[in-house]
Amino acid sequence: MRTNYNLPEGMRYSLLLERREFYEKEFDISAVEKWLSEHRNPLSTVFAAVIGRHTGIFLSRFKDYTKAPVVIDDYENLKDAKKQIATFLPEGVYYDRNVYEDLGACGRCKKPYGECWGCKGFLGQELAFDIDPENIPCPKCGTLAEKMKRGQGLGFCEHELEIAKFQALGLSEELGKRFERTEVVYSGRGYHVHVFDKKAQTMVRAKRRELALGMKAKGYYIDSWVTEGESRLIRLPFSLHAMVSRIVLPVKKERLPAFDPVKDYGCRPKFL
């Protein structure tokens, strides 16, 4: 069922033809490879495509795959992975933050995801923080609970988007006091703050939970379950967020104060 969420002016759902145009002509897999290479082995990365869960826009032949992400872990190279992603014309593309000793062996494992943390083939998970604009109370839009009552749980306005940006900047600076390698990514709706220190990768879930609670206590509107490791997927930089027609984009911290994803052409796909 398709829901029309309230979004900032100019942000809208991407049509299938527009998704095709993006993934065939604009999706920069070389930029993806470069970004991943700075943090992990790109060819040992699991990708996932969300077909049409929120927009209700998807190719009819994939109607049975809209409930859960489609995993892409069997590919020859990243160009092949791009080809597979483009086949689905997805609503969103993610990558698995987990780091595995043997991707093939883990792919054949039948254990549920929650048991990865106790497995000898599991080497850790990239630490990340997710700040979504709809979580931020707004004088105009109300609280998240109030928006959910109106069926607007994923809707947001420009004010909430601006606050989310400065939350991401402040969180990145806060995390910089204890970690050396942090990076901010505009996620299409909100912001992700990644921590790439090796010591962060091996943090156990209890320590991640403690860290998440500490940041929330400081006033940051983060989704704790992402930081705690309950969710292993996070949006893939340079992919298309088809719910808002924006490109997922790494943003340098010094550029963040002036960054405006509503107007910035760096995150606007060419079909707009």
C-alpha atoms as a PDB file:
ATOM      1  CA  MET A   1       0.000   0.000   0.000  1.00  0.00           C
ATOM      2  CA  ARG A   2       1.435   3.357  -1.065  1.00  0.00           C
ATOM      3  CA  THR A   3       1.570   6.219   1.466  1.00  0.00           C
ATOM      4  CA  ASN A   4       2.157   9.808   0.406  1.00  0.00           C
ATOM      5  CA  TYR A   5       4.408  11.251   3.076  1.00  0.00           C
ATOM      6  CA  ASN A   6       4.846  14.984   3.612  1.00  0.00           C
ATOM      7  CA  LEU A   7       8.324  15.904   2.367  1.00  0.00           C
ATOM      8  CA  PRO A   8      10.284  19.125   1.783  1.00  0.00           C
ATOM      9  CA  GLU A   9       9.534  20.923  -1.461  1.00  0.00           C
ATOM     10  CA  GLY A  10      11.200  19.228  -4.428  1.00  0.00           C
ATOM     11  CA  MET A  11      11.617  15.875  -2.679  1.00  0.00           C
ATOM     12  CA  ARG A  12       9.384  13.135  -4.071  1.00  0.00           C
ATOM     13  CA  TYR A  13       9.196   9.448  -4.944  1.00  0.00           C
ATOM     14  CA  SER A  14      11.294   8.382  -7.933  1.00  0.00           C
ATOM     15  CA  LEU A  15       9.419   6.656 -10.746  1.00  0.00           C
ATOM     16  CA  LEU A  16      10.655   3.354 -12.172  1.00  0.00           C
ATOM     17  CA  LEU A  17      11.870   4.990 -15.391  1.00  0.00           C
ATOM     18  CA  GLU A  18      13.814   7.510 -13.311  1.00  0.00           C
ATOM     19  CA  ARG A  19      15.370   4.765 -11.207  1.00  0.00           C
ATOM     20  CA  ARG A  20      16.393   2.989 -14.405  1.00  0.00           C
ATOM     21  CA  GLU A  21      17.959   6.155 -15.764  1.00  0.00           C
ATOM     22  CA  PHE A  22      19.894   6.666 -12.543  1.00  0.00           C
ATOM     23  CA  TYR A  23      21.255   3.127 -12.189  1.00  0.00           C
ATOM     24  CA  GLU A  24      22.127   2.814 -15.881  1.00  0.00           C
ATOM     25  CA  LYS A  25      23.651   6.243 -16.427  1.00  0.00           C
ATOM     26  CA  GLU A  26      24.501   7.944 -13.139  1.00  0.00           C
ATOM     27  CA  PHE A  27      25.213   5.409 -10.398  1.00  0.00           C
ATOM     28  CA  ASP A  28      28.975   5.792  -9.884  1.00  0.00           C
ATOM     29  CA  ILE A  29      30.226   2.352  -8.929  1.00  0.00           C
ATOM     30  CA  SER A  30      33.848   3.566  -9.075  1.00  0.00           C
ATOM     31  CA  ALA A  31      33.019   6.106  -6.351  1.00  0.00           C
ATOM     32  CA  VAL A  32      31.380   3.307  -4.348  1.00  0.00           C
ATOM     33  CA  GLU A  33      34.509   1.183  -4.715  1.00  0.00           C
ATOM     34  CA  LYS A  34      36.776   4.042  -3.655  1.00  0.00           C
ATOM     35  CA  TRP A  35      34.634   4.829  -0.599  1.00  0.00           C
ATOM     36  CA  LEU A  36      34.402   1.198   0.510  1.00  0.00           C
ATOM     37  CA  SER A  37      38.119   0.612  -0.100  1.00  0.00           C
ATOM     38  CA  GLU A  38      38.985   3.251   2.483  1.00  0.00           C
ATOM     39  CA  HIS A  39      37.193   1.233   5.159  1.00  0.00           C
ATOM     40  CA  ARG A  40      36.860  -2.416   4.113  1.00  0.00           C
ATOM     41  CA  ASN A  41      37.360  -4.922   1.292  1.00  0.00           C
ATOM     42  CA  PRO A  42      34.730  -4.002  -1.349  1.00  0.00           C
ATOM     43  CA  LEU A  43      34.661  -7.531  -2.751  1.00  0.00           C
ATOM     44  CA  SER A  44      33.868  -8.971   0.677  1.00  0.00           C
ATOM     45  CA  THR A  45      30.865  -6.713   1.097  1.00  0.00           C
ATOM     46  CA  VAL A  46      27.266  -7.868   1.068  1.00  0.00           C
ATOM     47  CA  PHE A  47      24.781  -5.563  -0.645  1.00  0.00           C
ATOM     48  CA  ALA A  48      21.007  -5.498  -0.267  1.00  0.00           C
ATOM     49  CA  ALA A  49      18.200  -3.983  -2.330  1.00  0.00           C
ATOM     50  CA  VAL A  50      14.895  -2.807  -0.871  1.00  0.00           C
ATOM     51  CA  ILE A  51      12.377  -3.141  -3.669  1.00  0.00           C
ATOM     52  CA  GLY A  52       9.437  -0.891  -2.771  1.00  0.00           C
ATOM     53  CA  ARG A  53       8.542  -1.185   0.879  1.00  0.00           C
ATOM     54  CA  HIS A  54       7.642   2.455   1.546  1.00  0.00           C
ATOM     55  CA  THR A  55       6.835   3.951  -1.845  1.00  0.00           C
ATOM     56  CA  GLY A  56       4.808   1.050  -3.194  1.00  0.00           C
ATOM     57  CA  ILE A  57       6.583   1.562  -6.526  1.00  0.00           C
ATOM     58  CA  PHE A  58       8.256  -1.573  -7.893  1.00  0.00           C
ATOM     59  CA  LEU A  59       8.470  -3.831 -10.918  1.00  0.00           C
ATOM     60  CA  SER A  60       5.490  -6.192 -10.839  1.00  0.00           C
ATOM     61  CA  ARG A  61       7.679  -9.273 -11.314  1.00  0.00           C
ATOM     62  CA  PHE A  62       9.294  -8.535  -7.938  1.00  0.00           C
ATOM     63  CA  LYS A  63       6.060  -8.148  -5.971  1.00  0.00           C
ATOM     64  CA  ASP A  64       6.947 -11.174  -3.827  1.00  0.00           C
ATOM     65  CA  TYR A  65      10.216  -9.500  -2.736  1.00  0.00           C
ATOM     66  CA  THR A  66       8.866  -6.287  -1.215  1.00  0.00           C
ATOM     67  CA  LYS A  67       8.688  -7.471   2.392  1.00  0.00           C
ATOM     68  CA  ALA A  68      12.404  -7.975   3.038  1.00  0.00           C
ATOM     69  CA  PRO A  69      15.687  -6.795   1.458  1.00  0.00           C
ATOM     70  CA  VAL A  70      17.069  -8.838  -1.430  1.00  0.00           C
ATOM     71  CA  VAL A  71      20.632  -9.890  -0.573  1.00  0.00           C
ATOM     72  CA  ILE A  72      23.328  -9.517  -3.249  1.00  0.00           C
ATOM     73  CA  ASP A  73      26.425 -11.435  -2.169  1.00  0.00           C
ATOM     74  CA  ASP A  74      27.277 -13.552  -5.231  1.00  0.00           C
ATOM     75  CA  TYR A  75      28.943 -11.256  -7.758  1.00  0.00           C
ATOM     76  CA  GLU A  76      32.161 -11.348  -9.787  1.00  0.00           C
ATOM     77  CA  ASN A  77      33.122  -7.697  -9.276  1.00  0.00           C
ATOM     78  CA  LEU A  78      31.459  -4.419  -8.390  1.00  0.00           C
ATOM     79  CA  LYS A  79      30.336  -3.821 -11.978  1.00  0.00           C
ATOM     80  CA  ASP A  80      28.494  -7.124 -11.753  1.00  0.00           C
ATOM     81  CA  ALA A  81      27.025  -6.071  -8.394  1.00  0.00           C
ATOM     82  CA  LYS A  82      25.856  -2.809 -10.022  1.00  0.00           C
ATOM     83  CA  LYS A  83      24.198  -4.782 -12.813  1.00  0.00           C
ATOM     84  CA  GLN A  84      22.351  -6.947 -10.301  1.00  0.00           C
ATOM     85  CA  ILE A  85      21.244  -3.904  -8.307  1.00  0.00           C
ATOM     86  CA  ALA A  86      19.965  -2.193 -11.463  1.00  0.00           C
ATOM     87  CA  THR A  87      17.863  -5.251 -12.304  1.00  0.00           C
ATOM     88  CA  PHE A  88      15.600  -4.551  -9.326  1.00  0.00           C
ATOM     89  CA  LEU A  89      15.233  -0.762  -9.840  1.00  0.00           C
ATOM     90  CA  PRO A  90      15.239  -0.585  -6.042  1.00  0.00           C
ATOM     91  CA  GLU A  91      13.743   1.918  -3.675  1.00  0.00           C
ATOM     92  CA  GLY A  92      17.014   1.822  -1.731  1.00  0.00           C
ATOM     93  CA  VAL A  93      20.400   0.088  -1.695  1.00  0.00           C
ATOM     94  CA  TYR A  94      22.298  -0.902   1.443  1.00  0.00           C
ATOM     95  CA  TYR A  95      25.472  -2.668   2.465  1.00  0.00           C
ATOM     96  CA  ASP A  96      26.101  -5.032   5.358  1.00  0.00           C
ATOM     97  CA  ARG A  97      28.241  -3.412   8.081  1.00  0.00           C
ATOM     98  CA  ASN A  98      29.334  -6.805   9.388  1.00  0.00           C
ATOM     99  CA  VAL A  99      32.887  -7.927   8.752  1.00  0.00           C
ATOM    100  CA  TYR A 100      33.245 -11.666   8.112  1.00  0.00           C
ATOM    101  CA  GLU A 101      36.265 -13.948   8.110  1.00  0.00           C
ATOM    102  CA  ASP A 102      34.894 -15.920   5.160  1.00  0.00           C
ATOM    103  CA  LEU A 103      31.991 -14.310   3.301  1.00  0.00           C
ATOM    104  CA  GLY A 104      31.195 -17.507   1.414  1.00  0.00           C
ATOM    105  CA  ALA A 105      31.002 -19.601   4.581  1.00  0.00           C
ATOM    106  CA  CYS A 106      28.855 -17.002   6.335  1.00  0.00           C
ATOM    107  CA  GLY A 107      26.588 -16.830   3.299  1.00  0.00           C
ATOM    108  CA  ARG A 108      25.933 -20.558   3.595  1.00  0.00           C
ATOM    109  CA  CYS A 109      25.216 -20.333   7.313  1.00  0.00           C
ATOM    110  CA  LYS A 110      21.611 -21.018   8.287  1.00  0.00           C
ATOM    111  CA  LYS A 111      21.760 -19.382  11.716  1.00  0.00           C
ATOM    112  CA  PRO A 112      19.618 -16.273  12.313  1.00  0.00           C
ATOM    113  CA  TYR A 113      21.369 -12.913  12.141  1.00  0.00           C
ATOM    114  CA  GLY A 114      21.269 -12.389  15.904  1.00  0.00           C
ATOM    115  CA  GLU A 115      23.678 -15.283  16.377  1.00  0.00           C
ATOM    116  CA  CYS A 116      26.380 -13.729  14.172  1.00  0.00           C
ATOM    117  CA  TRP A 117      27.807 -11.924  17.182  1.00  0.00           C
ATOM    118  CA  GLY A 118      28.802 -15.175  18.859  1.00  0.00           C
ATOM    119  CA  CYS A 119      30.180 -16.893  15.760  1.00  0.00           C
ATOM    120  CA  LYS A 120      33.905 -17.443  15.191  1.00  0.00           C
ATOM    121  CA  GLY A 121      33.539 -16.294  11.564  1.00  0.00           C
ATOM    122  CA  PHE A 122      32.216 -12.902  12.677  1.00  0.00           C
ATOM    123  CA  LEU A 123      35.008 -10.325  13.006  1.00  0.00           C
ATOM    124  CA  GLY A 124      32.925  -7.318  14.043  1.00  0.00           C
ATOM    125  CA  GLN A 125      30.666  -4.611  12.717  1.00  0.00           C
ATOM    126  CA  GLU A 126      31.257  -1.062  11.567  1.00  0.00           C
ATOM    127  CA  LEU A 127      29.960   1.348  14.195  1.00  0.00           C
ATOM    128  CA  ALA A 128      27.375   3.791  12.886  1.00  0.00           C
ATOM    129  CA  PHE A 129      24.812   6.299  14.140  1.00  0.00           C
ATOM    130  CA  ASP A 130      21.575   7.115  12.341  1.00  0.00           C
ATOM    131  CA  ILE A 131      19.847  10.486  12.707  1.00  0.00           C
ATOM    132  CA  ASP A 132      16.466  10.678  10.961  1.00  0.00           C
ATOM    133  CA  PRO A 133      14.624  14.005  10.697  1.00  0.00           C
ATOM    134  CA  GLU A 134      11.218  12.546  11.565  1.00  0.00           C
ATOM    135  CA  ASN A 135      12.514  11.710  15.067  1.00  0.00           C
ATOM    136  CA  ILE A 136      13.077  15.388  15.849  1.00  0.00           C
ATOM    137  CA  PRO A 137      10.168  17.273  17.508  1.00  0.00           C
ATOM    138  CA  CYS A 138       8.930  20.137  15.355  1.00  0.00           C
ATOM    139  CA  PRO A 139       6.683  23.095  16.294  1.00  0.00           C
ATOM    140  CA  LYS A 140       4.833  22.630  13.000  1.00  0.00           C
ATOM    141  CA  CYS A 141       4.827  18.838  12.515  1.00  0.00           C
ATOM    142  CA  GLY A 142       4.751  17.716  16.145  1.00  0.00           C
ATOM    143  CA  THR A 143       6.470  14.723  17.714  1.00  0.00           C
ATOM    144  CA  LEU A 144       7.136  11.391  16.045  1.00  0.00           C
ATOM    145  CA  ALA A 145       4.239   9.847  17.978  1.00  0.00           C
ATOM    146  CA  GLU A 146       1.891  12.581  16.751  1.00  0.00           C
ATOM    147  CA  LYS A 147       3.059  12.138  13.159  1.00  0.00           C
ATOM    148  CA  MET A 148       2.558   8.380  13.359  1.00  0.00           C
ATOM    149  CA  LYS A 149      -1.046   8.908  14.476  1.00  0.00           C
ATOM    150  CA  ARG A 150      -1.564  10.898  11.265  1.00  0.00           C
ATOM    151  CA  GLY A 151       0.110   8.197   9.152  1.00  0.00           C
ATOM    152  CA  GLN A 152       3.148  10.448   8.628  1.00  0.00           C
ATOM    153  CA  GLY A 153       5.760   8.485  10.562  1.00  0.00           C
ATOM    154  CA  LEU A 154       8.324   8.867   7.764  1.00  0.00           C
ATOM    155  CA  GLY A 155       7.353  12.381   6.754  1.00  0.00           C
ATOM    156  CA  PHE A 156       9.492  15.409   7.656  1.00  0.00           C
ATOM    157  CA  CYS A 157       9.956  19.087   6.897  1.00  0.00           C
ATOM    158  CA  GLU A 158      12.906  21.345   6.071  1.00  0.00           C
ATOM    159  CA  HIS A 159      13.188  22.496   9.699  1.00  0.00           C
ATOM    160  CA  GLU A 160      13.619  18.919  10.947  1.00  0.00           C
ATOM    161  CA  LEU A 161      16.093  18.232   8.135  1.00  0.00           C
ATOM    162  CA  GLU A 162      18.184  21.253   9.129  1.00  0.00           C
ATOM    163  CA  ILE A 163      18.223  20.247  12.795  1.00  0.00           C
ATOM    164  CA  ALA A 164      19.246  16.695  11.787  1.00  0.00           C
ATOM    165  CA  LYS A 165      22.221  18.135   9.892  1.00  0.00           C
ATOM    166  CA  PHE A 166      23.546  20.032  12.897  1.00  0.00           C
ATOM    167  CA  GLN A 167      22.873  17.018  15.099  1.00  0.00           C
ATOM    168  CA  ALA A 168      25.088  14.978  12.766  1.00  0.00           C
ATOM    169  CA  LEU A 169      27.806  17.624  12.875  1.00  0.00           C
ATOM    170  CA  GLY A 170      27.690  17.832  16.671  1.00  0.00           C
ATOM    171  CA  LEU A 171      27.639  14.058  17.042  1.00  0.00           C
ATOM    172  CA  SER A 172      30.629  13.703  14.742  1.00  0.00           C
ATOM    173  CA  GLU A 173      32.573  16.211  16.856  1.00  0.00           C
ATOM    174  CA  GLU A 174      31.493  14.444  20.057  1.00  0.00           C
ATOM    175  CA  LEU A 175      32.623  11.069  18.720  1.00  0.00           C
ATOM    176  CA  GLY A 176      35.873  12.658  17.583  1.00  0.00           C
ATOM    177  CA  LYS A 177      36.856  12.955  21.234  1.00  0.00           C
ATOM    178  CA  ARG A 178      37.238   9.183  21.497  1.00  0.00           C
ATOM    179  CA  PHE A 179      37.611   7.956  17.907  1.00  0.00           C
ATOM    180  CA  GLU A 180      40.004   8.990  15.144  1.00  0.00           C
ATOM    181  CA  ARG A 181      38.091   8.161  11.956  1.00  0.00           C
ATOM    182  CA  THR A 182      34.544   9.455  11.658  1.00  0.00           C
ATOM    183  CA  GLU A 183      32.643  10.357   8.516  1.00  0.00           C
ATOM    184  CA  VAL A 184      29.220  11.887   7.852  1.00  0.00           C
ATOM    185  CA  VAL A 185      26.985  10.631   5.057  1.00  0.00           C
ATOM    186  CA  TYR A 186      23.787  12.320   3.953  1.00  0.00           C
ATOM    187  CA  SER A 187      21.470   9.313   3.819  1.00  0.00           C
ATOM    188  CA  GLY A 188      18.832  10.790   1.526  1.00  0.00           C
ATOM    189  CA  ARG A 189      16.496  11.592   4.398  1.00  0.00           C
ATOM    190  CA  GLY A 190      18.766  12.181   7.366  1.00  0.00           C
ATOM    191  CA  TYR A 191      22.395  11.564   8.221  1.00  0.00           C
ATOM    192  CA  HIS A 192      24.649   8.666   9.138  1.00  0.00           C
ATOM    193  CA  VAL A 193      27.778   9.132  11.206  1.00  0.00           C
ATOM    194  CA  HIS A 194      30.230   6.289  10.577  1.00  0.00           C
ATOM    195  CA  VAL A 195      33.112   5.368  12.884  1.00  0.00           C
ATOM    196  CA  PHE A 196      35.863   3.414  11.142  1.00  0.00           C
ATOM    197  CA  ASP A 197      38.373   2.854  13.954  1.00  0.00           C
ATOM    198  CA  LYS A 198      39.341  -0.802  14.352  1.00  0.00           C
ATOM    199  CA  LYS A 199      38.594  -0.641  18.077  1.00  0.00           C
ATOM    200  CA  ALA A 200      35.048   0.480  17.221  1.00  0.00           C
ATOM    201  CA  GLN A 201      34.589  -2.436  14.833  1.00  0.00           C
ATOM    202  CA  THR A 202      35.243  -4.962  17.596  1.00  0.00           C
ATOM    203  CA  MET A 203      33.049  -3.334  20.254  1.00  0.00           C
ATOM    204  CA  VAL A 204      30.617  -5.793  21.833  1.00  0.00           C
ATOM    205  CA  ARG A 205      26.903  -5.052  21.778  1.00  0.00           C
ATOM    206  CA  ALA A 206      26.754  -4.074  25.455  1.00  0.00           C
ATOM    207  CA  LYS A 207      29.374  -1.359  24.878  1.00  0.00           C
ATOM    208  CA  ARG A 208      27.546  -0.168  21.754  1.00  0.00           C
ATOM    209  CA  ARG A 209      24.332   0.079  23.730  1.00  0.00           C
ATOM    210  CA  GLU A 210      26.103   2.029  26.460  1.00  0.00           C
ATOM    211  CA  LEU A 211      27.529   4.418  23.868  1.00  0.00           C
ATOM    212  CA  ALA A 212      24.147   4.874  22.179  1.00  0.00           C
ATOM    213  CA  LEU A 213      22.442   5.646  25.478  1.00  0.00           C
ATOM    214  CA  GLY A 214      25.188   8.106  26.327  1.00  0.00           C
ATOM    215  CA  MET A 215      24.704   9.998  23.064  1.00  0.00           C
ATOM    216  CA  LYS A 216      20.925  10.052  23.523  1.00  0.00           C
ATOM    217  CA  ALA A 217      21.425  11.435  27.020  1.00  0.00           C
ATOM    218  CA  LYS A 218      23.417  14.283  25.461  1.00  0.00           C
ATOM    219  CA  GLY A 219      20.394  15.153  23.324  1.00  0.00           C
ATOM    220  CA  TYR A 220      21.138  13.397  20.043  1.00  0.00           C
ATOM    221  CA  TYR A 221      18.107  11.909  18.259  1.00  0.00           C
ATOM    222  CA  ILE A 222      19.762   8.715  17.124  1.00  0.00           C
ATOM    223  CA  ASP A 223      18.115   5.413  16.294  1.00  0.00           C
ATOM    224  CA  SER A 224      19.721   3.289  19.024  1.00  0.00           C
ATOM    225  CA  TRP A 225      19.067  -0.037  17.311  1.00  0.00           C
ATOM    226  CA  VAL A 226      21.435   0.915  14.483  1.00  0.00           C
ATOM    227  CA  THR A 227      24.291   1.752  16.856  1.00  0.00           C
ATOM    228  CA  GLU A 228      23.650  -1.267  19.074  1.00  0.00           C
ATOM    229  CA  GLY A 229      24.017  -3.634  16.121  1.00  0.00           C
ATOM    230  CA  GLU A 230      20.439  -4.857  15.866  1.00  0.00           C
ATOM    231  CA  SER A 231      20.441  -3.713  12.238  1.00  0.00           C
ATOM    232  CA  ARG A 232      23.459  -4.598  10.143  1.00  0.00           C
ATOM    233  CA  LEU A 233      22.375  -2.794   6.946  1.00  0.00           C
ATOM    234  CA  ILE A 234      23.089   0.861   6.186  1.00  0.00           C
ATOM    235  CA  ARG A 235      22.552   2.882   3.025  1.00  0.00           C
ATOM    236  CA  LEU A 236      25.186   2.595   0.341  1.00  0.00           C
ATOM    237  CA  PRO A 237      26.852   5.920  -0.531  1.00  0.00           C
ATOM    238  CA  PHE A 238      26.202   7.121  -4.094  1.00  0.00           C
ATOM    239  CA  SER A 239      23.036   5.022  -4.423  1.00  0.00           C
ATOM    240  CA  LEU A 240      19.583   6.558  -4.915  1.00  0.00           C
ATOM    241  CA  HIS A 241      17.122   7.065  -2.074  1.00  0.00           C
ATOM    242  CA  ALA A 242      14.012   6.745  -4.229  1.00  0.00           C
ATOM    243  CA  MET A 243      11.634   7.858  -1.509  1.00  0.00           C
ATOM    244  CA  VAL A 244      12.984  11.411  -1.749  1.00  0.00           C
ATOM    245  CA  SER A 245      14.844  11.349  -5.106  1.00  0.00           C
ATOM    246  CA  ARG A 246      18.200  12.163  -3.559  1.00  0.00           C
ATOM    247  CA  ILE A 247      21.646  10.572  -3.851  1.00  0.00           C
ATOM    248  CA  VAL A 248      23.227   9.171  -0.682  1.00  0.00           C
ATOM    249  CA  LEU A 249      26.291  11.371  -0.362  1.00  0.00           C
ATOM    250  CA  PRO A 250      29.364  11.549   1.906  1.00  0.00           C
ATOM    251  CA  VAL A 251      29.738  15.155   3.106  1.00  0.00           C
ATOM    252  CA  LYS A 252      32.944  16.635   4.489  1.00  0.00           C
ATOM    253  CA  LYS A 253      32.433  18.040   7.977  1.00  0.00           C
ATOM    254  CA  GLU A 254      33.656  21.497   6.995  1.00  0.00           C
ATOM    255  CA  ARG A 255      31.013  21.573   4.268  1.00  0.00           C
ATOM    256  CA  LEU A 256      28.128  20.443   6.472  1.00  0.00           C
ATOM    257  CA  PRO A 257      27.003  23.831   7.912  1.00  0.00           C
ATOM    258  CA  ALA A 258      26.194  25.164   4.419  1.00  0.00           C
ATOM    259  CA  PHE A 259      24.994  21.861   2.966  1.00  0.00           C
ATOM    260  CA  ASP A 260      21.336  21.932   1.871  1.00  0.00           C
ATOM    261  CA  PRO A 261      20.113  18.597   0.464  1.00  0.00           C
ATOM    262  CA  VAL A 262      16.911  20.215  -0.787  1.00  0.00           C
ATOM    263  CA  LYS A 263      18.864  22.384  -3.228  1.00  0.00           C
ATOM    264  CA  ASP A 264      22.377  20.911  -3.447  1.00  0.00           C
ATOM    265  CA  TYR A 265      23.040  19.568  -6.949  1.00  0.00           C
ATOM    266  CA  GLY A 266      25.597  17.098  -5.628  1.00  0.00           C
ATOM    267  CA  CYS A 267      22.813  14.967  -4.179  1.00  0.00           C
ATOM    268  CA  ARG A 268      20.135  15.697  -6.799  1.00  0.00           C
ATOM    269  CA  PRO A 269      19.881  13.033  -9.536  1.00  0.00           C
ATOM    270  CA  LYS A 270      19.967  14.320 -13.108  1.00  0.00           C
ATOM    271  CA  PHE A 271      16.377  13.270 -13.805  1.00  0.00           C
ATOM    272  CA  LEU A 272      15.231  16.143 -11.594  1.00  0.00           C
END
